[in-house]
Amino acid sequence: VAESWETTDHQTYIFNLREDAKWSNGDP
């Protein structure tokens, strides 16, 4: 679901989620 992630200090992590990821009912 995360297409990329980053951290500079191993304590705060940022995850960039895919915009085309959907639930099976069509919700994003």
mmCIF file of all heavy atoms, coordinates in Angstrom:
data_MODEL
# 
_entry.id   MODEL 
# 
loop_
_atom_site.group_PDB 
_atom_site.id 
_atom_site.type_symbol 
_atom_site.label_atom_id 
_atom_site.label_alt_id 
_atom_site.label_comp_id 
_atom_site.label_asym_id 
_atom_site.label_entity_id 
_atom_site.label_seq_id 
_atom_site.pdbx_PDB_ins_code 
_atom_site.Cartn_x 
_atom_site.Cartn_y 
_atom_site.Cartn_z 
_atom_site.occupancy 
_atom_site.B_iso_or_equiv 
_atom_site.pdbx_formal_charge 
_atom_site.auth_seq_id 
_atom_site.auth_comp_id 
_atom_site.auth_asym_id 
_atom_site.auth_atom_id 
_atom_site.pdbx_PDB_model_num 
ATOM 1   N N   . VAL A 1 1  ? 0.843   -1.201 0.000  1.00 0.00 ? 1  VAL A N   1 
ATOM 2   C CA  . VAL A 1 1  ? 0.000   0.000  0.000  1.00 0.00 ? 1  VAL A CA  1 
ATOM 3   C C   . VAL A 1 1  ? 0.876   1.248  0.000  1.00 0.00 ? 1  VAL A C   1 
ATOM 4   O O   . VAL A 1 1  ? 0.556   2.247  -0.627 1.00 0.00 ? 1  VAL A O   1 
ATOM 5   C CB  . VAL A 1 1  ? -0.960  -0.002 1.209  1.00 0.00 ? 1  VAL A CB  1 
ATOM 6   C CG1 . VAL A 1 1  ? -1.759  1.302  1.244  1.00 0.00 ? 1  VAL A CG1 1 
ATOM 7   C CG2 . VAL A 1 1  ? -1.914  -1.183 1.134  1.00 0.00 ? 1  VAL A CG2 1 
ATOM 8   N N   . ALA A 1 2  ? 1.991   1.180  0.712  1.00 0.00 ? 2  ALA A N   1 
ATOM 9   C CA  . ALA A 1 2  ? 2.957   2.281  0.675  1.00 0.00 ? 2  ALA A CA  1 
ATOM 10  C C   . ALA A 1 2  ? 3.882   2.062  -0.522 1.00 0.00 ? 2  ALA A C   1 
ATOM 11  O O   . ALA A 1 2  ? 4.564   1.046  -0.603 1.00 0.00 ? 2  ALA A O   1 
ATOM 12  C CB  . ALA A 1 2  ? 3.761   2.325  1.970  1.00 0.00 ? 2  ALA A CB  1 
ATOM 13  N N   . GLU A 1 3  ? 3.914   3.010  -1.441 1.00 0.00 ? 3  GLU A N   1 
ATOM 14  C CA  . GLU A 1 3  ? 4.805   2.866  -2.593 1.00 0.00 ? 3  GLU A CA  1 
ATOM 15  C C   . GLU A 1 3  ? 6.205   3.353  -2.263 1.00 0.00 ? 3  GLU A C   1 
ATOM 16  O O   . GLU A 1 3  ? 7.170   3.006  -2.956 1.00 0.00 ? 3  GLU A O   1 
ATOM 17  C CB  . GLU A 1 3  ? 4.249   3.590  -3.809 1.00 0.00 ? 3  GLU A CB  1 
ATOM 18  C CG  . GLU A 1 3  ? 4.024   5.079  -3.634 1.00 0.00 ? 3  GLU A CG  1 
ATOM 19  C CD  . GLU A 1 3  ? 3.382   5.696  -4.878 1.00 0.00 ? 3  GLU A CD  1 
ATOM 20  O OE1 . GLU A 1 3  ? 3.234   4.969  -5.881 1.00 0.00 ? 3  GLU A OE1 1 
ATOM 21  O OE2 . GLU A 1 3  ? 3.036   6.895  -4.848 1.00 0.00 ? 3  GLU A OE2 1 
ATOM 22  N N   . SER A 1 4  ? 6.352   4.119  -1.176 1.00 0.00 ? 4  SER A N   1 
ATOM 23  C CA  . SER A 1 4  ? 7.676   4.550  -0.725 1.00 0.00 ? 4  SER A CA  1 
ATOM 24  C C   . SER A 1 4  ? 7.582   4.998  0.729  1.00 0.00 ? 4  SER A C   1 
ATOM 25  O O   . SER A 1 4  ? 6.486   5.223  1.266  1.00 0.00 ? 4  SER A O   1 
ATOM 26  C CB  . SER A 1 4  ? 8.209   5.696  -1.599 1.00 0.00 ? 4  SER A CB  1 
ATOM 27  O OG  . SER A 1 4  ? 7.399   6.858  -1.465 1.00 0.00 ? 4  SER A OG  1 
ATOM 28  N N   . TRP A 1 5  ? 8.718   5.122  1.370  1.00 0.00 ? 5  TRP A N   1 
ATOM 29  C CA  . TRP A 1 5  ? 8.770   5.580  2.759  1.00 0.00 ? 5  TRP A CA  1 
ATOM 30  C C   . TRP A 1 5  ? 10.129  6.208  3.015  1.00 0.00 ? 5  TRP A C   1 
ATOM 31  O O   . TRP A 1 5  ? 11.094  5.978  2.275  1.00 0.00 ? 5  TRP A O   1 
ATOM 32  C CB  . TRP A 1 5  ? 8.508   4.425  3.737  1.00 0.00 ? 5  TRP A CB  1 
ATOM 33  C CG  . TRP A 1 5  ? 9.407   3.238  3.533  1.00 0.00 ? 5  TRP A CG  1 
ATOM 34  C CD1 . TRP A 1 5  ? 10.593  2.961  4.129  1.00 0.00 ? 5  TRP A CD1 1 
ATOM 35  C CD2 . TRP A 1 5  ? 9.154   2.144  2.646  1.00 0.00 ? 5  TRP A CD2 1 
ATOM 36  N NE1 . TRP A 1 5  ? 11.108  1.779  3.679  1.00 0.00 ? 5  TRP A NE1 1 
ATOM 37  C CE2 . TRP A 1 5  ? 10.251  1.252  2.767  1.00 0.00 ? 5  TRP A CE2 1 
ATOM 38  C CE3 . TRP A 1 5  ? 8.114   1.816  1.760  1.00 0.00 ? 5  TRP A CE3 1 
ATOM 39  C CZ2 . TRP A 1 5  ? 10.341  0.062  2.036  1.00 0.00 ? 5  TRP A CZ2 1 
ATOM 40  C CZ3 . TRP A 1 5  ? 8.205   0.639  1.030  1.00 0.00 ? 5  TRP A CZ3 1 
ATOM 41  C CH2 . TRP A 1 5  ? 9.299   -0.224 1.175  1.00 0.00 ? 5  TRP A CH2 1 
ATOM 42  N N   . GLU A 1 6  ? 10.211  7.008  4.064  1.00 0.00 ? 6  GLU A N   1 
ATOM 43  C CA  . GLU A 1 6  ? 11.454  7.706  4.366  1.00 0.00 ? 6  GLU A CA  1 
ATOM 44  C C   . GLU A 1 6  ? 11.556  8.016  5.850  1.00 0.00 ? 6  GLU A C   1 
ATOM 45  O O   . GLU A 1 6  ? 10.548  8.108  6.561  1.00 0.00 ? 6  GLU A O   1 
ATOM 46  C CB  . GLU A 1 6  ? 11.528  8.998  3.548  1.00 0.00 ? 6  GLU A CB  1 
ATOM 47  C CG  . GLU A 1 6  ? 10.355  9.938  3.797  1.00 0.00 ? 6  GLU A CG  1 
ATOM 48  C CD  . GLU A 1 6  ? 10.193  11.013 2.727  1.00 0.00 ? 6  GLU A CD  1 
ATOM 49  O OE1 . GLU A 1 6  ? 10.057  10.649 1.545  1.00 0.00 ? 6  GLU A OE1 1 
ATOM 50  O OE2 . GLU A 1 6  ? 10.208  12.202 3.105  1.00 0.00 ? 6  GLU A OE2 1 
ATOM 51  N N   . THR A 1 7  ? 12.788  8.146  6.307  1.00 0.00 ? 7  THR A N   1 
ATOM 52  C CA  . THR A 1 7  ? 13.065  8.569  7.673  1.00 0.00 ? 7  THR A CA  1 
ATOM 53  C C   . THR A 1 7  ? 14.463  9.158  7.703  1.00 0.00 ? 7  THR A C   1 
ATOM 54  O O   . THR A 1 7  ? 15.342  8.739  6.941  1.00 0.00 ? 7  THR A O   1 
ATOM 55  C CB  . THR A 1 7  ? 12.966  7.412  8.672  1.00 0.00 ? 7  THR A CB  1 
ATOM 56  O OG1 . THR A 1 7  ? 13.171  7.916  10.003 1.00 0.00 ? 7  THR A OG1 1 
ATOM 57  C CG2 . THR A 1 7  ? 14.009  6.328  8.397  1.00 0.00 ? 7  THR A CG2 1 
ATOM 58  N N   . THR A 1 8  ? 14.673  10.127 8.567  1.00 0.00 ? 8  THR A N   1 
ATOM 59  C CA  . THR A 1 8  ? 16.003  10.718 8.725  1.00 0.00 ? 8  THR A CA  1 
ATOM 60  C C   . THR A 1 8  ? 16.625  10.352 10.065 1.00 0.00 ? 8  THR A C   1 
ATOM 61  O O   . THR A 1 8  ? 17.828  10.487 10.247 1.00 0.00 ? 8  THR A O   1 
ATOM 62  C CB  . THR A 1 8  ? 15.932  12.257 8.616  1.00 0.00 ? 8  THR A CB  1 
ATOM 63  O OG1 . THR A 1 8  ? 15.019  12.767 9.616  1.00 0.00 ? 8  THR A OG1 1 
ATOM 64  C CG2 . THR A 1 8  ? 15.448  12.676 7.231  1.00 0.00 ? 8  THR A CG2 1 
ATOM 65  N N   . ASP A 1 9  ? 15.787  9.866  10.984 1.00 0.00 ? 9  ASP A N   1 
ATOM 66  C CA  . ASP A 1 9  ? 16.290  9.603  12.340 1.00 0.00 ? 9  ASP A CA  1 
ATOM 67  C C   . ASP A 1 9  ? 15.846  8.254  12.902 1.00 0.00 ? 9  ASP A C   1 
ATOM 68  O O   . ASP A 1 9  ? 16.095  7.953  14.064 1.00 0.00 ? 9  ASP A O   1 
ATOM 69  C CB  . ASP A 1 9  ? 15.824  10.715 13.290 1.00 0.00 ? 9  ASP A CB  1 
ATOM 70  C CG  . ASP A 1 9  ? 14.305  10.864 13.333 1.00 0.00 ? 9  ASP A CG  1 
ATOM 71  O OD1 . ASP A 1 9  ? 13.605  10.061 12.665 1.00 0.00 ? 9  ASP A OD1 1 
ATOM 72  O OD2 . ASP A 1 9  ? 13.813  11.760 14.032 1.00 0.00 ? 9  ASP A OD2 1 
ATOM 73  N N   . HIS A 1 10 ? 15.175  7.418  12.102 1.00 0.00 ? 10 HIS A N   1 
ATOM 74  C CA  . HIS A 1 10 ? 14.668  6.115  12.539 1.00 0.00 ? 10 HIS A CA  1 
ATOM 75  C C   . HIS A 1 10 ? 13.618  6.229  13.648 1.00 0.00 ? 10 HIS A C   1 
ATOM 76  O O   . HIS A 1 10 ? 13.269  5.233  14.264 1.00 0.00 ? 10 HIS A O   1 
ATOM 77  C CB  . HIS A 1 10 ? 15.801  5.217  13.032 1.00 0.00 ? 10 HIS A CB  1 
ATOM 78  C CG  . HIS A 1 10 ? 16.939  5.094  12.075 1.00 0.00 ? 10 HIS A CG  1 
ATOM 79  N ND1 . HIS A 1 10 ? 16.831  4.455  10.866 1.00 0.00 ? 10 HIS A ND1 1 
ATOM 80  C CD2 . HIS A 1 10 ? 18.219  5.554  12.152 1.00 0.00 ? 10 HIS A CD2 1 
ATOM 81  C CE1 . HIS A 1 10 ? 17.995  4.511  10.232 1.00 0.00 ? 10 HIS A CE1 1 
ATOM 82  N NE2 . HIS A 1 10 ? 18.839  5.175  10.976 1.00 0.00 ? 10 HIS A NE2 1 
ATOM 83  N N   . GLN A 1 11 ? 13.126  7.431  13.863 1.00 0.00 ? 11 GLN A N   1 
ATOM 84  C CA  . GLN A 1 11 ? 12.125  7.645  14.917 1.00 0.00 ? 11 GLN A CA  1 
ATOM 85  C C   . GLN A 1 11 ? 10.827  8.207  14.352 1.00 0.00 ? 11 GLN A C   1 
ATOM 86  O O   . GLN A 1 11 ? 9.750   7.932  14.882 1.00 0.00 ? 11 GLN A O   1 
ATOM 87  C CB  . GLN A 1 11 ? 12.686  8.584  15.995 1.00 0.00 ? 11 GLN A CB  1 
ATOM 88  C CG  . GLN A 1 11 ? 11.806  8.687  17.224 1.00 0.00 ? 11 GLN A CG  1 
ATOM 89  C CD  . GLN A 1 11 ? 12.499  9.329  18.404 1.00 0.00 ? 11 GLN A CD  1 
ATOM 90  O OE1 . GLN A 1 11 ? 13.714  9.558  18.381 1.00 0.00 ? 11 GLN A OE1 1 
ATOM 91  N NE2 . GLN A 1 11 ? 11.765  9.615  19.464 1.00 0.00 ? 11 GLN A NE2 1 
ATOM 92  N N   . THR A 1 12 ? 10.929  8.956  13.295 1.00 0.00 ? 12 THR A N   1 
ATOM 93  C CA  . THR A 1 12 ? 9.747   9.449  12.591 1.00 0.00 ? 12 THR A CA  1 
ATOM 94  C C   . THR A 1 12 ? 9.784   8.905  11.171 1.00 0.00 ? 12 THR A C   1 
ATOM 95  O O   . THR A 1 12 ? 10.778  9.086  10.451 1.00 0.00 ? 12 THR A O   1 
ATOM 96  C CB  . THR A 1 12 ? 9.716   10.991 12.548 1.00 0.00 ? 12 THR A CB  1 
ATOM 97  O OG1 . THR A 1 12 ? 9.677   11.503 13.882 1.00 0.00 ? 12 THR A OG1 1 
ATOM 98  C CG2 . THR A 1 12 ? 8.489   11.483 11.784 1.00 0.00 ? 12 THR A CG2 1 
ATOM 99  N N   . TYR A 1 13 ? 8.718   8.210  10.790 1.00 0.00 ? 13 TYR A N   1 
ATOM 100 C CA  . TYR A 1 13 ? 8.645   7.582  9.473  1.00 0.00 ? 13 TYR A CA  1 
ATOM 101 C C   . TYR A 1 13 ? 7.478   8.175  8.687  1.00 0.00 ? 13 TYR A C   1 
ATOM 102 O O   . TYR A 1 13 ? 6.385   8.356  9.232  1.00 0.00 ? 13 TYR A O   1 
ATOM 103 C CB  . TYR A 1 13 ? 8.442   6.075  9.601  1.00 0.00 ? 13 TYR A CB  1 
ATOM 104 C CG  . TYR A 1 13 ? 9.658   5.325  10.103 1.00 0.00 ? 13 TYR A CG  1 
ATOM 105 C CD1 . TYR A 1 13 ? 9.935   5.228  11.467 1.00 0.00 ? 13 TYR A CD1 1 
ATOM 106 C CD2 . TYR A 1 13 ? 10.522  4.693  9.208  1.00 0.00 ? 13 TYR A CD2 1 
ATOM 107 C CE1 . TYR A 1 13 ? 11.051  4.535  11.928 1.00 0.00 ? 13 TYR A CE1 1 
ATOM 108 C CE2 . TYR A 1 13 ? 11.636  3.992  9.659  1.00 0.00 ? 13 TYR A CE2 1 
ATOM 109 C CZ  . TYR A 1 13 ? 11.898  3.921  11.021 1.00 0.00 ? 13 TYR A CZ  1 
ATOM 110 O OH  . TYR A 1 13 ? 12.998  3.232  11.470 1.00 0.00 ? 13 TYR A OH  1 
ATOM 111 N N   . ILE A 1 14 ? 7.734   8.462  7.421  1.00 0.00 ? 14 ILE A N   1 
ATOM 112 C CA  . ILE A 1 14 ? 6.696   8.958  6.528  1.00 0.00 ? 14 ILE A CA  1 
ATOM 113 C C   . ILE A 1 14 ? 6.438   7.911  5.440  1.00 0.00 ? 14 ILE A C   1 
ATOM 114 O O   . ILE A 1 14 ? 7.362   7.479  4.745  1.00 0.00 ? 14 ILE A O   1 
ATOM 115 C CB  . ILE A 1 14 ? 7.109   10.293 5.857  1.00 0.00 ? 14 ILE A CB  1 
ATOM 116 C CG1 . ILE A 1 14 ? 7.381   11.373 6.920  1.00 0.00 ? 14 ILE A CG1 1 
ATOM 117 C CG2 . ILE A 1 14 ? 6.018   10.756 4.886  1.00 0.00 ? 14 ILE A CG2 1 
ATOM 118 C CD1 . ILE A 1 14 ? 6.155   11.766 7.736  1.00 0.00 ? 14 ILE A CD1 1 
ATOM 119 N N   . PHE A 1 15 ? 5.188   7.492  5.314  1.00 0.00 ? 15 PHE A N   1 
ATOM 120 C CA  . PHE A 1 15 ? 4.800   6.509  4.299  1.00 0.00 ? 15 PHE A CA  1 
ATOM 121 C C   . PHE A 1 15 ? 3.914   7.191  3.258  1.00 0.00 ? 15 PHE A C   1 
ATOM 122 O O   . PHE A 1 15 ? 2.918   7.831  3.617  1.00 0.00 ? 15 PHE A O   1 
ATOM 123 C CB  . PHE A 1 15 ? 4.046   5.346  4.938  1.00 0.00 ? 15 PHE A CB  1 
ATOM 124 C CG  . PHE A 1 15 ? 4.877   4.538  5.888  1.00 0.00 ? 15 PHE A CG  1 
ATOM 125 C CD1 . PHE A 1 15 ? 4.939   4.868  7.238  1.00 0.00 ? 15 PHE A CD1 1 
ATOM 126 C CD2 . PHE A 1 15 ? 5.618   3.453  5.426  1.00 0.00 ? 15 PHE A CD2 1 
ATOM 127 C CE1 . PHE A 1 15 ? 5.721   4.123  8.118  1.00 0.00 ? 15 PHE A CE1 1 
ATOM 128 C CE2 . PHE A 1 15 ? 6.401   2.707  6.299  1.00 0.00 ? 15 PHE A CE2 1 
ATOM 129 C CZ  . PHE A 1 15 ? 6.458   3.051  7.651  1.00 0.00 ? 15 PHE A CZ  1 
ATOM 130 N N   . ASN A 1 16 ? 4.295   7.041  1.997  1.00 0.00 ? 16 ASN A N   1 
ATOM 131 C CA  . ASN A 1 16 ? 3.528   7.617  0.890  1.00 0.00 ? 16 ASN A CA  1 
ATOM 132 C C   . ASN A 1 16 ? 2.670   6.522  0.279  1.00 0.00 ? 16 ASN A C   1 
ATOM 133 O O   . ASN A 1 16 ? 3.187   5.580  -0.333 1.00 0.00 ? 16 ASN A O   1 
ATOM 134 C CB  . ASN A 1 16 ? 4.487   8.203  -0.150 1.00 0.00 ? 16 ASN A CB  1 
ATOM 135 C CG  . ASN A 1 16 ? 5.408   9.246  0.468  1.00 0.00 ? 16 ASN A CG  1 
ATOM 136 O OD1 . ASN A 1 16 ? 4.944   10.233 1.030  1.00 0.00 ? 16 ASN A OD1 1 
ATOM 137 N ND2 . ASN A 1 16 ? 6.714   9.022  0.384  1.00 0.00 ? 16 ASN A ND2 1 
ATOM 138 N N   . LEU A 1 17 ? 1.366   6.628  0.447  1.00 0.00 ? 17 LEU A N   1 
ATOM 139 C CA  . LEU A 1 17 ? 0.445   5.585  0.008  1.00 0.00 ? 17 LEU A CA  1 
ATOM 140 C C   . LEU A 1 17 ? 0.083   5.733  -1.467 1.00 0.00 ? 17 LEU A C   1 
ATOM 141 O O   . LEU A 1 17 ? 0.038   6.851  -1.999 1.00 0.00 ? 17 LEU A O   1 
ATOM 142 C CB  . LEU A 1 17 ? -0.836  5.620  0.850  1.00 0.00 ? 17 LEU A CB  1 
ATOM 143 C CG  . LEU A 1 17 ? -0.821  4.898  2.204  1.00 0.00 ? 17 LEU A CG  1 
ATOM 144 C CD1 . LEU A 1 17 ? 0.308   5.395  3.099  1.00 0.00 ? 17 LEU A CD1 1 
ATOM 145 C CD2 . LEU A 1 17 ? -2.156  5.057  2.904  1.00 0.00 ? 17 LEU A CD2 1 
ATOM 146 N N   . ARG A 1 18 ? -0.193  4.626  -2.107 1.00 0.00 ? 18 ARG A N   1 
ATOM 147 C CA  . ARG A 1 18 ? -0.595  4.624  -3.516 1.00 0.00 ? 18 ARG A CA  1 
ATOM 148 C C   . ARG A 1 18 ? -1.958  5.287  -3.676 1.00 0.00 ? 18 ARG A C   1 
ATOM 149 O O   . ARG A 1 18 ? -2.887  4.990  -2.939 1.00 0.00 ? 18 ARG A O   1 
ATOM 150 C CB  . ARG A 1 18 ? -0.703  3.186  -4.036 1.00 0.00 ? 18 ARG A CB  1 
ATOM 151 C CG  . ARG A 1 18 ? 0.579   2.407  -3.954 1.00 0.00 ? 18 ARG A CG  1 
ATOM 152 C CD  . ARG A 1 18 ? 0.376   0.992  -4.471 1.00 0.00 ? 18 ARG A CD  1 
ATOM 153 N NE  . ARG A 1 18 ? 1.597   0.223  -4.251 1.00 0.00 ? 18 ARG A NE  1 
ATOM 154 C CZ  . ARG A 1 18 ? 2.659   0.253  -5.059 1.00 0.00 ? 18 ARG A CZ  1 
ATOM 155 N NH1 . ARG A 1 18 ? 2.628   1.013  -6.145 1.00 0.00 ? 18 ARG A NH1 1 
ATOM 156 N NH2 . ARG A 1 18 ? 3.728   -0.468 -4.790 1.00 0.00 ? 18 ARG A NH2 1 
ATOM 157 N N   . GLU A 1 19 ? -2.070  6.117  -4.664 1.00 0.00 ? 19 GLU A N   1 
ATOM 158 C CA  . GLU A 1 19 ? -3.354  6.765  -4.909 1.00 0.00 ? 19 GLU A CA  1 
ATOM 159 C C   . GLU A 1 19 ? -4.347  5.826  -5.564 1.00 0.00 ? 19 GLU A C   1 
ATOM 160 O O   . GLU A 1 19 ? -5.556  6.079  -5.544 1.00 0.00 ? 19 GLU A O   1 
ATOM 161 C CB  . GLU A 1 19 ? -3.144  8.024  -5.762 1.00 0.00 ? 19 GLU A CB  1 
ATOM 162 C CG  . GLU A 1 19 ? -2.333  9.105  -5.031 1.00 0.00 ? 19 GLU A CG  1 
ATOM 163 C CD  . GLU A 1 19 ? -2.283  10.413 -5.790 1.00 0.00 ? 19 GLU A CD  1 
ATOM 164 O OE1 . GLU A 1 19 ? -2.969  10.519 -6.838 1.00 0.00 ? 19 GLU A OE1 1 
ATOM 165 O OE2 . GLU A 1 19 ? -1.568  11.332 -5.338 1.00 0.00 ? 19 GLU A OE2 1 
ATOM 166 N N   . ASP A 1 20 ? -3.840  4.720  -6.153 1.00 0.00 ? 20 ASP A N   1 
ATOM 167 C CA  . ASP A 1 20 ? -4.748  3.775  -6.814 1.00 0.00 ? 20 ASP A CA  1 
ATOM 168 C C   . ASP A 1 20 ? -5.089  2.579  -5.930 1.00 0.00 ? 20 ASP A C   1 
ATOM 169 O O   . ASP A 1 20 ? -5.707  1.619  -6.399 1.00 0.00 ? 20 ASP A O   1 
ATOM 170 C CB  . ASP A 1 20 ? -4.160  3.296  -8.134 1.00 0.00 ? 20 ASP A CB  1 
ATOM 171 C CG  . ASP A 1 20 ? -2.766  2.689  -7.988 1.00 0.00 ? 20 ASP A CG  1 
ATOM 172 O OD1 . ASP A 1 20 ? -2.175  2.804  -6.905 1.00 0.00 ? 20 ASP A OD1 1 
ATOM 173 O OD2 . ASP A 1 20 ? -2.277  2.101  -8.978 1.00 0.00 ? 20 ASP A OD2 1 
ATOM 174 N N   . ALA A 1 21 ? -4.702  2.612  -4.650 1.00 0.00 ? 21 ALA A N   1 
ATOM 175 C CA  . ALA A 1 21 ? -5.070  1.527  -3.737 1.00 0.00 ? 21 ALA A CA  1 
ATOM 176 C C   . ALA A 1 21 ? -6.538  1.673  -3.357 1.00 0.00 ? 21 ALA A C   1 
ATOM 177 O O   . ALA A 1 21 ? -6.975  2.743  -2.922 1.00 0.00 ? 21 ALA A O   1 
ATOM 178 C CB  . ALA A 1 21 ? -4.192  1.564  -2.495 1.00 0.00 ? 21 ALA A CB  1 
ATOM 179 N N   . LYS A 1 22 ? -7.314  0.576  -3.508 1.00 0.00 ? 22 LYS A N   1 
ATOM 180 C CA  . LYS A 1 22 ? -8.746  0.628  -3.226 1.00 0.00 ? 22 LYS A CA  1 
ATOM 181 C C   . LYS A 1 22 ? -9.184  -0.551 -2.363 1.00 0.00 ? 22 LYS A C   1 
ATOM 182 O O   . LYS A 1 22 ? -8.553  -1.606 -2.358 1.00 0.00 ? 22 LYS A O   1 
ATOM 183 C CB  . LYS A 1 22 ? -9.544  0.606  -4.537 1.00 0.00 ? 22 LYS A CB  1 
ATOM 184 C CG  . LYS A 1 22 ? -9.370  1.829  -5.402 1.00 0.00 ? 22 LYS A CG  1 
ATOM 185 C CD  . LYS A 1 22 ? -10.239 1.741  -6.653 1.00 0.00 ? 22 LYS A CD  1 
ATOM 186 C CE  . LYS A 1 22 ? -10.080 2.973  -7.515 1.00 0.00 ? 22 LYS A CE  1 
ATOM 187 N NZ  . LYS A 1 22 ? -10.933 2.904  -8.746 1.00 0.00 ? 22 LYS A NZ  1 
ATOM 188 N N   . TRP A 1 23 ? -10.288 -0.354 -1.678 1.00 0.00 ? 23 TRP A N   1 
ATOM 189 C CA  . TRP A 1 23 ? -10.961 -1.443 -0.983 1.00 0.00 ? 23 TRP A CA  1 
ATOM 190 C C   . TRP A 1 23 ? -11.774 -2.226 -1.999 1.00 0.00 ? 23 TRP A C   1 
ATOM 191 O O   . TRP A 1 23 ? -12.066 -1.722 -3.092 1.00 0.00 ? 23 TRP A O   1 
ATOM 192 C CB  . TRP A 1 23 ? -11.873 -0.899 0.113  1.00 0.00 ? 23 TRP A CB  1 
ATOM 193 C CG  . TRP A 1 23 ? -11.128 -0.262 1.250  1.00 0.00 ? 23 TRP A CG  1 
ATOM 194 C CD1 . TRP A 1 23 ? -10.887 1.064  1.436  1.00 0.00 ? 23 TRP A CD1 1 
ATOM 195 C CD2 . TRP A 1 23 ? -10.519 -0.941 2.356  1.00 0.00 ? 23 TRP A CD2 1 
ATOM 196 N NE1 . TRP A 1 23 ? -10.159 1.267  2.587  1.00 0.00 ? 23 TRP A NE1 1 
ATOM 197 C CE2 . TRP A 1 23 ? -9.917  0.041  3.179  1.00 0.00 ? 23 TRP A CE2 1 
ATOM 198 C CE3 . TRP A 1 23 ? -10.404 -2.272 2.736  1.00 0.00 ? 23 TRP A CE3 1 
ATOM 199 C CZ2 . TRP A 1 23 ? -9.223  -0.248 4.345  1.00 0.00 ? 23 TRP A CZ2 1 
ATOM 200 C CZ3 . TRP A 1 23 ? -9.724  -2.589 3.909  1.00 0.00 ? 23 TRP A CZ3 1 
ATOM 201 C CH2 . TRP A 1 23 ? -9.144  -1.586 4.693  1.00 0.00 ? 23 TRP A CH2 1 
ATOM 202 N N   . SER A 1 24 ? -12.150 -3.425 -1.649 1.00 0.00 ? 24 SER A N   1 
ATOM 203 C CA  . SER A 1 24 ? -12.881 -4.278 -2.597 1.00 0.00 ? 24 SER A CA  1 
ATOM 204 C C   . SER A 1 24 ? -14.272 -3.744 -2.926 1.00 0.00 ? 24 SER A C   1 
ATOM 205 O O   . SER A 1 24 ? -14.910 -4.210 -3.869 1.00 0.00 ? 24 SER A O   1 
ATOM 206 C CB  . SER A 1 24 ? -12.987 -5.706 -2.056 1.00 0.00 ? 24 SER A CB  1 
ATOM 207 O OG  . SER A 1 24 ? -13.569 -5.727 -0.762 1.00 0.00 ? 24 SER A OG  1 
ATOM 208 N N   . ASN A 1 25 ? -14.757 -2.757 -2.162 1.00 0.00 ? 25 ASN A N   1 
ATOM 209 C CA  . ASN A 1 25 ? -16.049 -2.138 -2.487 1.00 0.00 ? 25 ASN A CA  1 
ATOM 210 C C   . ASN A 1 25 ? -15.875 -0.862 -3.304 1.00 0.00 ? 25 ASN A C   1 
ATOM 211 O O   . ASN A 1 25 ? -16.861 -0.171 -3.593 1.00 0.00 ? 25 ASN A O   1 
ATOM 212 C CB  . ASN A 1 25 ? -16.845 -1.847 -1.214 1.00 0.00 ? 25 ASN A CB  1 
ATOM 213 C CG  . ASN A 1 25 ? -16.218 -0.737 -0.371 1.00 0.00 ? 25 ASN A CG  1 
ATOM 214 O OD1 . ASN A 1 25 ? -15.074 -0.331 -0.609 1.00 0.00 ? 25 ASN A OD1 1 
ATOM 215 N ND2 . ASN A 1 25 ? -16.959 -0.263 0.619  1.00 0.00 ? 25 ASN A ND2 1 
ATOM 216 N N   . GLY A 1 26 ? -14.619 -0.532 -3.654 1.00 0.00 ? 26 GLY A N   1 
ATOM 217 C CA  . GLY A 1 26 ? -14.360 0.640  -4.481 1.00 0.00 ? 26 GLY A CA  1 
ATOM 218 C C   . GLY A 1 26 ? -13.892 1.870  -3.733 1.00 0.00 ? 26 GLY A C   1 
ATOM 219 O O   . GLY A 1 26 ? -13.422 2.835  -4.342 1.00 0.00 ? 26 GLY A O   1 
ATOM 220 N N   . ASP A 1 27 ? -14.000 1.884  -2.407 1.00 0.00 ? 27 ASP A N   1 
ATOM 221 C CA  . ASP A 1 27 ? -13.524 3.023  -1.632 1.00 0.00 ? 27 ASP A CA  1 
ATOM 222 C C   . ASP A 1 27 ? -12.003 3.122  -1.721 1.00 0.00 ? 27 ASP A C   1 
ATOM 223 O O   . ASP A 1 27 ? -11.310 2.096  -1.796 1.00 0.00 ? 27 ASP A O   1 
ATOM 224 C CB  . ASP A 1 27 ? -13.914 2.881  -0.160 1.00 0.00 ? 27 ASP A CB  1 
ATOM 225 C CG  . ASP A 1 27 ? -15.399 3.043  0.089  1.00 0.00 ? 27 ASP A CG  1 
ATOM 226 O OD1 . ASP A 1 27 ? -16.110 3.494  -0.835 1.00 0.00 ? 27 ASP A OD1 1 
ATOM 227 O OD2 . ASP A 1 27 ? -15.858 2.710  1.207  1.00 0.00 ? 27 ASP A OD2 1 
ATOM 228 N N   . PRO A 1 28 ? -11.458 4.345  -1.691 1.00 0.00 ? 28 PRO A N   1 
ATOM 229 C CA  . PRO A 1 28 ? -9.999  4.477  -1.700 1.00 0.00 ? 28 PRO A CA  1 
ATOM 230 C C   . PRO A 1 28 ? -9.409  4.058  -0.350 1.00 0.00 ? 28 PRO A C   1 
ATOM 231 O O   . PRO A 1 28 ? -10.052 4.212  0.700  1.00 0.00 ? 28 PRO A O   1 
ATOM 232 C CB  . PRO A 1 28 ? -9.783  5.970  -1.950 1.00 0.00 ? 28 PRO A CB  1 
ATOM 233 C CG  . PRO A 1 28 ? -11.022 6.623  -1.412 1.00 0.00 ? 28 PRO A CG  1 
ATOM 234 C CD  . PRO A 1 28 ? -12.146 5.657  -1.713 1.00 0.00 ? 28 PRO A CD  1 
# 
